């Protein structure tokens, strides 16, 4: 008997998971890029594999230019950190989130274990999820997820606040492995922008300035931020 889904169509969720024993799951840029590509191709009602003949000869980023069929979920934001990831997601069809995360996690684990000649689980058990049940919390998560990379340069910032705010803002603008660049309007539209479906989320950021103002508000006027790992 199929287990009933814990997710409801049309609802928003914060999905996250970390490496088993808090180990790093992204060791270099190709690892990050593989996961980013899987964010795109795993979000498909059909089974899709990077290794399919259809994709041979393409760069990983080139795969993002391939059209897909119907998607399982809508993604509003994501961020990859050395030992964990965050995704802000909307359930689009019944069991869509579970199917998507299963394909994403399995695909990346198989890639990682083969590349680094290891066996066993890569992630720390089943992915974690938090239901986003109000508008304030949903908008907050756009800030929380996109601010996560500050931990790389200021490990204790979530508890102690940010010491070098200008440096932190500059670091975020240059961080490739999140959807930050797809919101901040730096003048360049990335191919990775196809991963995010902004129109499925409330119009908090009608302009890039709206997004940047929110980020600055958290950087300069909020001392701590806490949700998830």
C-alpha atoms as a PDB file:
ATOM      1  CA  UNK A   1       0.000   0.000   0.000  1.00  0.00           C
ATOM      2  CA  UNK A   2       1.417   3.373  -0.963  1.00  0.00           C
ATOM      3  CA  UNK A   3       2.133   5.689   1.981  1.00  0.00           C
ATOM      4  CA  UNK A   4      -0.032   8.795   2.014  1.00  0.00           C
ATOM      5  CA  UNK A   5       1.914  11.933   1.166  1.00  0.00           C
ATOM      6  CA  UNK A   6       2.590  14.372   4.009  1.00  0.00           C
ATOM      7  CA  UNK A   7       2.493  17.252   1.537  1.00  0.00           C
ATOM      8  CA  UNK A   8      -0.510  19.107   0.121  1.00  0.00           C
ATOM      9  CA  UNK A   9      -0.813  20.423  -3.422  1.00  0.00           C
ATOM     10  CA  UNK A  10      -0.483  24.202  -3.537  1.00  0.00           C
ATOM     11  CA  UNK A  11       1.336  24.438  -0.199  1.00  0.00           C
ATOM     12  CA  UNK A  12       4.900  25.672   0.397  1.00  0.00           C
ATOM     13  CA  UNK A  13       7.667  23.781   2.203  1.00  0.00           C
ATOM     14  CA  UNK A  14      11.232  24.326   3.331  1.00  0.00           C
ATOM     15  CA  UNK A  15      13.205  21.201   2.431  1.00  0.00           C
ATOM     16  CA  UNK A  16      16.707  20.559   3.720  1.00  0.00           C
ATOM     17  CA  UNK A  17      19.179  17.785   4.438  1.00  0.00           C
ATOM     18  CA  UNK A  18      22.827  17.414   5.350  1.00  0.00           C
ATOM     19  CA  UNK A  19      25.567  14.885   4.817  1.00  0.00           C
ATOM     20  CA  UNK A  20      25.683  11.847   7.081  1.00  0.00           C
ATOM     21  CA  UNK A  21      27.788  12.552  10.182  1.00  0.00           C
ATOM     22  CA  UNK A  22      27.766  16.185   8.999  1.00  0.00           C
ATOM     23  CA  UNK A  23      30.254  15.269   6.286  1.00  0.00           C
ATOM     24  CA  UNK A  24      30.779  17.526   3.286  1.00  0.00           C
ATOM     25  CA  UNK A  25      28.677  16.538   0.282  1.00  0.00           C
ATOM     26  CA  UNK A  26      30.137  19.079  -2.155  1.00  0.00           C
ATOM     27  CA  UNK A  27      33.921  18.852  -2.430  1.00  0.00           C
ATOM     28  CA  UNK A  28      34.532  20.984  -5.511  1.00  0.00           C
ATOM     29  CA  UNK A  29      32.757  23.021  -8.176  1.00  0.00           C
ATOM     30  CA  UNK A  30      31.818  20.020 -10.385  1.00  0.00           C
ATOM     31  CA  UNK A  31      29.955  18.542  -7.391  1.00  0.00           C
ATOM     32  CA  UNK A  32      27.925  21.710  -6.924  1.00  0.00           C
ATOM     33  CA  UNK A  33      27.180  21.910 -10.640  1.00  0.00           C
ATOM     34  CA  UNK A  34      26.034  18.290 -10.776  1.00  0.00           C
ATOM     35  CA  UNK A  35      23.543  18.916  -7.978  1.00  0.00           C
ATOM     36  CA  UNK A  36      22.319  22.102  -9.664  1.00  0.00           C
ATOM     37  CA  UNK A  37      21.721  20.218 -12.904  1.00  0.00           C
ATOM     38  CA  UNK A  38      19.874  17.531 -10.963  1.00  0.00           C
ATOM     39  CA  UNK A  39      17.645  20.212  -9.432  1.00  0.00           C
ATOM     40  CA  UNK A  40      16.506  20.880 -12.982  1.00  0.00           C
ATOM     41  CA  UNK A  41      16.288  17.446 -14.579  1.00  0.00           C
ATOM     42  CA  UNK A  42      14.914  15.639 -11.501  1.00  0.00           C
ATOM     43  CA  UNK A  43      11.952  18.005 -11.522  1.00  0.00           C
ATOM     44  CA  UNK A  44      10.227  16.021 -14.241  1.00  0.00           C
ATOM     45  CA  UNK A  45       7.322  13.584 -14.239  1.00  0.00           C
ATOM     46  CA  UNK A  46       9.383  11.355 -16.548  1.00  0.00           C
ATOM     47  CA  UNK A  47      12.524   9.485 -15.526  1.00  0.00           C
ATOM     48  CA  UNK A  48      15.531  11.497 -16.652  1.00  0.00           C
ATOM     49  CA  UNK A  49      19.193  10.621 -16.250  1.00  0.00           C
ATOM     50  CA  UNK A  50      22.271  12.717 -17.001  1.00  0.00           C
ATOM     51  CA  UNK A  51      23.926   9.625 -18.414  1.00  0.00           C
ATOM     52  CA  UNK A  52      21.216   9.063 -21.037  1.00  0.00           C
ATOM     53  CA  UNK A  53      22.418   9.033 -24.651  1.00  0.00           C
ATOM     54  CA  UNK A  54      20.328  12.131 -25.187  1.00  0.00           C
ATOM     55  CA  UNK A  55      22.730  14.102 -22.990  1.00  0.00           C
ATOM     56  CA  UNK A  56      26.044  12.732 -24.198  1.00  0.00           C
ATOM     57  CA  UNK A  57      28.388  15.374 -25.532  1.00  0.00           C
ATOM     58  CA  UNK A  58      26.667  18.172 -23.618  1.00  0.00           C
ATOM     59  CA  UNK A  59      28.181  20.124 -20.763  1.00  0.00           C
ATOM     60  CA  UNK A  60      26.296  19.937 -17.498  1.00  0.00           C
ATOM     61  CA  UNK A  61      25.177  23.535 -17.937  1.00  0.00           C
ATOM     62  CA  UNK A  62      24.133  22.711 -21.492  1.00  0.00           C
ATOM     63  CA  UNK A  63      21.670  20.220 -20.070  1.00  0.00           C
ATOM     64  CA  UNK A  64      19.802  23.112 -18.450  1.00  0.00           C
ATOM     65  CA  UNK A  65      18.855  24.288 -21.925  1.00  0.00           C
ATOM     66  CA  UNK A  66      16.999  21.047 -22.655  1.00  0.00           C
ATOM     67  CA  UNK A  67      13.226  21.353 -22.448  1.00  0.00           C
ATOM     68  CA  UNK A  68      11.454  19.029 -20.018  1.00  0.00           C
ATOM     69  CA  UNK A  69       7.900  17.770 -19.732  1.00  0.00           C
ATOM     70  CA  UNK A  70       5.643  18.538 -16.772  1.00  0.00           C
ATOM     71  CA  UNK A  71       7.414  19.315 -13.511  1.00  0.00           C
ATOM     72  CA  UNK A  72       6.768  17.699 -10.134  1.00  0.00           C
ATOM     73  CA  UNK A  73       7.245  20.821  -8.014  1.00  0.00           C
ATOM     74  CA  UNK A  74       7.870  24.544  -8.270  1.00  0.00           C
ATOM     75  CA  UNK A  75      11.112  25.830  -6.748  1.00  0.00           C
ATOM     76  CA  UNK A  76      11.256  29.333  -5.304  1.00  0.00           C
ATOM     77  CA  UNK A  77      14.777  29.377  -3.880  1.00  0.00           C
ATOM     78  CA  UNK A  78      17.694  27.071  -3.180  1.00  0.00           C
ATOM     79  CA  UNK A  79      21.140  27.159  -1.636  1.00  0.00           C
ATOM     80  CA  UNK A  80      23.909  24.575  -1.581  1.00  0.00           C
ATOM     81  CA  UNK A  81      26.397  24.611   1.287  1.00  0.00           C
ATOM     82  CA  UNK A  82      29.451  22.374   1.710  1.00  0.00           C
ATOM     83  CA  UNK A  83      27.625  19.885   3.946  1.00  0.00           C
ATOM     84  CA  UNK A  84      23.917  20.573   3.367  1.00  0.00           C
ATOM     85  CA  UNK A  85      21.296  22.074   1.073  1.00  0.00           C
ATOM     86  CA  UNK A  86      18.086  24.108   1.334  1.00  0.00           C
ATOM     87  CA  UNK A  87      15.177  24.279  -1.118  1.00  0.00           C
ATOM     88  CA  UNK A  88      12.010  26.372  -0.881  1.00  0.00           C
ATOM     89  CA  UNK A  89       9.427  24.391  -2.755  1.00  0.00           C
ATOM     90  CA  UNK A  90       5.744  24.232  -3.694  1.00  0.00           C
ATOM     91  CA  UNK A  91       3.896  20.942  -4.062  1.00  0.00           C
ATOM     92  CA  UNK A  92       2.529  20.936  -7.614  1.00  0.00           C
ATOM     93  CA  UNK A  93       1.066  17.438  -7.953  1.00  0.00           C
ATOM     94  CA  UNK A  94       0.246  14.687  -5.470  1.00  0.00           C
ATOM     95  CA  UNK A  95       3.456  13.156  -4.108  1.00  0.00           C
ATOM     96  CA  UNK A  96       5.506  15.571  -6.226  1.00  0.00           C
ATOM     97  CA  UNK A  97       7.931  16.654  -3.501  1.00  0.00           C
ATOM     98  CA  UNK A  98       8.648  13.096  -2.392  1.00  0.00           C
ATOM     99  CA  UNK A  99       9.290  11.966  -5.973  1.00  0.00           C
ATOM    100  CA  UNK A 100      11.473  14.980  -6.709  1.00  0.00           C
ATOM    101  CA  UNK A 101      13.650  14.687  -3.598  1.00  0.00           C
ATOM    102  CA  UNK A 102      13.995  10.928  -4.059  1.00  0.00           C
ATOM    103  CA  UNK A 103      15.222  11.391  -7.642  1.00  0.00           C
ATOM    104  CA  UNK A 104      17.477  14.272  -6.630  1.00  0.00           C
ATOM    105  CA  UNK A 105      19.036  12.517  -3.630  1.00  0.00           C
ATOM    106  CA  UNK A 106      19.450   9.171  -5.355  1.00  0.00           C
ATOM    107  CA  UNK A 107      20.937  10.702  -8.482  1.00  0.00           C
ATOM    108  CA  UNK A 108      23.435  12.793  -6.565  1.00  0.00           C
ATOM    109  CA  UNK A 109      24.383   9.985  -4.159  1.00  0.00           C
ATOM    110  CA  UNK A 110      25.098   7.622  -7.058  1.00  0.00           C
ATOM    111  CA  UNK A 111      27.232  10.267  -8.756  1.00  0.00           C
ATOM    112  CA  UNK A 112      29.128  11.127  -5.552  1.00  0.00           C
ATOM    113  CA  UNK A 113      29.787   7.536  -4.500  1.00  0.00           C
ATOM    114  CA  UNK A 114      31.031   6.594  -7.947  1.00  0.00           C
ATOM    115  CA  UNK A 115      33.265   9.643  -8.273  1.00  0.00           C
ATOM    116  CA  UNK A 116      34.846   9.249  -4.844  1.00  0.00           C
ATOM    117  CA  UNK A 117      34.797   5.434  -4.758  1.00  0.00           C
ATOM    118  CA  UNK A 118      32.714   5.192  -1.611  1.00  0.00           C
ATOM    119  CA  UNK A 119      29.669   3.210  -0.523  1.00  0.00           C
ATOM    120  CA  UNK A 120      26.806   3.763   1.870  1.00  0.00           C
ATOM    121  CA  UNK A 121      24.457   6.615   2.583  1.00  0.00           C
ATOM    122  CA  UNK A 122      25.563  10.112   1.678  1.00  0.00           C
ATOM    123  CA  UNK A 123      22.726  12.007   3.342  1.00  0.00           C
ATOM    124  CA  UNK A 124      21.675  11.995   6.987  1.00  0.00           C
ATOM    125  CA  UNK A 125      18.525   9.936   6.731  1.00  0.00           C
ATOM    126  CA  UNK A 126      15.288  11.135   5.161  1.00  0.00           C
ATOM    127  CA  UNK A 127      15.147  14.745   4.053  1.00  0.00           C
ATOM    128  CA  UNK A 128      13.683  17.231   6.528  1.00  0.00           C
ATOM    129  CA  UNK A 129      10.680  19.406   5.736  1.00  0.00           C
ATOM    130  CA  UNK A 130       8.883  22.312   7.361  1.00  0.00           C
ATOM    131  CA  UNK A 131       5.442  23.435   6.237  1.00  0.00           C
ATOM    132  CA  UNK A 132       5.321  27.154   5.479  1.00  0.00           C
ATOM    133  CA  UNK A 133       1.942  28.085   6.884  1.00  0.00           C
ATOM    134  CA  UNK A 134       1.942  31.875   6.747  1.00  0.00           C
ATOM    135  CA  UNK A 135       3.043  34.704   4.504  1.00  0.00           C
ATOM    136  CA  UNK A 136       5.542  36.209   6.940  1.00  0.00           C
ATOM    137  CA  UNK A 137       7.356  32.890   7.328  1.00  0.00           C
ATOM    138  CA  UNK A 138       7.457  32.359   3.560  1.00  0.00           C
ATOM    139  CA  UNK A 139       9.066  35.740   2.924  1.00  0.00           C
ATOM    140  CA  UNK A 140      11.482  35.142   5.802  1.00  0.00           C
ATOM    141  CA  UNK A 141      12.680  31.928   4.155  1.00  0.00           C
ATOM    142  CA  UNK A 142      13.725  33.792   1.013  1.00  0.00           C
ATOM    143  CA  UNK A 143      16.101  35.731   3.259  1.00  0.00           C
ATOM    144  CA  UNK A 144      17.215  32.774   5.371  1.00  0.00           C
ATOM    145  CA  UNK A 145      18.020  30.503   2.440  1.00  0.00           C
ATOM    146  CA  UNK A 146      19.892  33.131   0.452  1.00  0.00           C
ATOM    147  CA  UNK A 147      21.872  34.354   3.481  1.00  0.00           C
ATOM    148  CA  UNK A 148      23.148  30.867   4.351  1.00  0.00           C
ATOM    149  CA  UNK A 149      26.502  31.181   2.517  1.00  0.00           C
ATOM    150  CA  UNK A 150      27.648  33.851   4.986  1.00  0.00           C
ATOM    151  CA  UNK A 151      28.419  30.917   7.292  1.00  0.00           C
ATOM    152  CA  UNK A 152      31.364  30.075   5.019  1.00  0.00           C
ATOM    153  CA  UNK A 153      33.146  33.338   5.872  1.00  0.00           C
ATOM    154  CA  UNK A 154      31.594  34.000   9.308  1.00  0.00           C
ATOM    155  CA  UNK A 155      30.751  30.611  10.892  1.00  0.00           C
ATOM    156  CA  UNK A 156      28.963  32.038  13.937  1.00  0.00           C
ATOM    157  CA  UNK A 157      26.924  34.741  12.253  1.00  0.00           C
ATOM    158  CA  UNK A 158      23.513  33.197  12.915  1.00  0.00           C
ATOM    159  CA  UNK A 159      24.041  33.394  16.672  1.00  0.00           C
ATOM    160  CA  UNK A 160      26.414  36.357  16.991  1.00  0.00           C
ATOM    161  CA  UNK A 161      25.439  38.579  14.086  1.00  0.00           C
ATOM    162  CA  UNK A 162      27.536  39.669  11.108  1.00  0.00           C
ATOM    163  CA  UNK A 163      30.789  41.504  11.817  1.00  0.00           C
ATOM    164  CA  UNK A 164      31.758  42.583   8.281  1.00  0.00           C
ATOM    165  CA  UNK A 165      28.461  43.388   6.612  1.00  0.00           C
ATOM    166  CA  UNK A 166      29.844  44.863   3.385  1.00  0.00           C
ATOM    167  CA  UNK A 167      32.094  41.837   2.898  1.00  0.00           C
ATOM    168  CA  UNK A 168      29.155  39.508   3.543  1.00  0.00           C
ATOM    169  CA  UNK A 169      26.973  41.286   0.983  1.00  0.00           C
ATOM    170  CA  UNK A 170      29.726  41.125  -1.629  1.00  0.00           C
ATOM    171  CA  UNK A 171      30.265  37.424  -0.910  1.00  0.00           C
ATOM    172  CA  UNK A 172      26.570  36.667  -1.410  1.00  0.00           C
ATOM    173  CA  UNK A 173      26.494  38.470  -4.750  1.00  0.00           C
ATOM    174  CA  UNK A 174      29.370  36.304  -6.009  1.00  0.00           C
ATOM    175  CA  UNK A 175      28.129  32.990  -4.610  1.00  0.00           C
ATOM    176  CA  UNK A 176      27.257  30.776  -7.579  1.00  0.00           C
ATOM    177  CA  UNK A 177      25.573  27.869  -5.852  1.00  0.00           C
ATOM    178  CA  UNK A 178      22.245  29.383  -4.873  1.00  0.00           C
ATOM    179  CA  UNK A 179      19.388  31.216  -6.558  1.00  0.00           C
ATOM    180  CA  UNK A 180      20.571  34.572  -5.141  1.00  0.00           C
ATOM    181  CA  UNK A 181      21.913  35.732  -8.512  1.00  0.00           C
ATOM    182  CA  UNK A 182      18.544  35.005 -10.112  1.00  0.00           C
ATOM    183  CA  UNK A 183      16.892  37.595  -7.866  1.00  0.00           C
ATOM    184  CA  UNK A 184      19.461  40.338  -7.336  1.00  0.00           C
ATOM    185  CA  UNK A 185      19.373  41.705 -10.896  1.00  0.00           C
ATOM    186  CA  UNK A 186      23.079  41.991 -11.580  1.00  0.00           C
ATOM    187  CA  UNK A 187      22.379  42.390 -15.294  1.00  0.00           C
ATOM    188  CA  UNK A 188      23.174  38.824 -16.321  1.00  0.00           C
ATOM    189  CA  UNK A 189      20.478  36.179 -16.673  1.00  0.00           C
ATOM    190  CA  UNK A 190      21.947  32.790 -15.842  1.00  0.00           C
ATOM    191  CA  UNK A 191      20.897  29.547 -17.448  1.00  0.00           C
ATOM    192  CA  UNK A 192      20.321  28.328 -13.877  1.00  0.00           C
ATOM    193  CA  UNK A 193      17.379  30.739 -13.675  1.00  0.00           C
ATOM    194  CA  UNK A 194      15.284  28.018 -15.362  1.00  0.00           C
ATOM    195  CA  UNK A 195      15.360  26.075 -12.090  1.00  0.00           C
ATOM    196  CA  UNK A 196      13.351  28.720 -10.248  1.00  0.00           C
ATOM    197  CA  UNK A 197       9.696  29.431 -10.989  1.00  0.00           C
ATOM    198  CA  UNK A 198       9.120  32.846  -9.463  1.00  0.00           C
ATOM    199  CA  UNK A 199       5.568  33.184 -10.735  1.00  0.00           C
ATOM    200  CA  UNK A 200       4.438  30.303  -8.494  1.00  0.00           C
ATOM    201  CA  UNK A 201       5.337  32.302  -5.390  1.00  0.00           C
ATOM    202  CA  UNK A 202       3.930  35.563  -3.997  1.00  0.00           C
ATOM    203  CA  UNK A 203       5.220  38.720  -5.663  1.00  0.00           C
ATOM    204  CA  UNK A 204       7.427  39.875  -2.816  1.00  0.00           C
ATOM    205  CA  UNK A 205      10.118  41.031  -5.216  1.00  0.00           C
ATOM    206  CA  UNK A 206       8.591  42.852  -8.162  1.00  0.00           C
ATOM    207  CA  UNK A 207      12.008  44.360  -8.866  1.00  0.00           C
ATOM    208  CA  UNK A 208      15.596  43.415  -8.087  1.00  0.00           C
ATOM    209  CA  UNK A 209      15.654  46.398  -5.727  1.00  0.00           C
ATOM    210  CA  UNK A 210      12.890  44.814  -3.647  1.00  0.00           C
ATOM    211  CA  UNK A 211      15.036  41.714  -3.197  1.00  0.00           C
ATOM    212  CA  UNK A 212      18.226  43.630  -2.473  1.00  0.00           C
ATOM    213  CA  UNK A 213      16.441  45.846   0.042  1.00  0.00           C
ATOM    214  CA  UNK A 214      15.256  42.747   1.898  1.00  0.00           C
ATOM    215  CA  UNK A 215      18.778  41.304   1.960  1.00  0.00           C
ATOM    216  CA  UNK A 216      20.233  44.592   3.205  1.00  0.00           C
ATOM    217  CA  UNK A 217      17.576  44.739   5.905  1.00  0.00           C
ATOM    218  CA  UNK A 218      18.670  41.368   7.246  1.00  0.00           C
ATOM    219  CA  UNK A 219      22.376  42.113   6.839  1.00  0.00           C
ATOM    220  CA  UNK A 220      22.384  45.491   8.513  1.00  0.00           C
ATOM    221  CA  UNK A 221      19.418  45.546  10.890  1.00  0.00           C
ATOM    222  CA  UNK A 222      18.745  41.974  12.020  1.00  0.00           C
ATOM    223  CA  UNK A 223      21.220  40.461  14.470  1.00  0.00           C
ATOM    224  CA  UNK A 224      20.361  36.762  14.267  1.00  0.00           C
ATOM    225  CA  UNK A 225      18.443  34.390  12.028  1.00  0.00           C
ATOM    226  CA  UNK A 226      17.447  30.827  12.914  1.00  0.00           C
ATOM    227  CA  UNK A 227      15.697  28.070  10.951  1.00  0.00           C
ATOM    228  CA  UNK A 228      16.930  24.624   9.973  1.00  0.00           C
ATOM    229  CA  UNK A 229      20.579  23.469   9.973  1.00  0.00           C
END
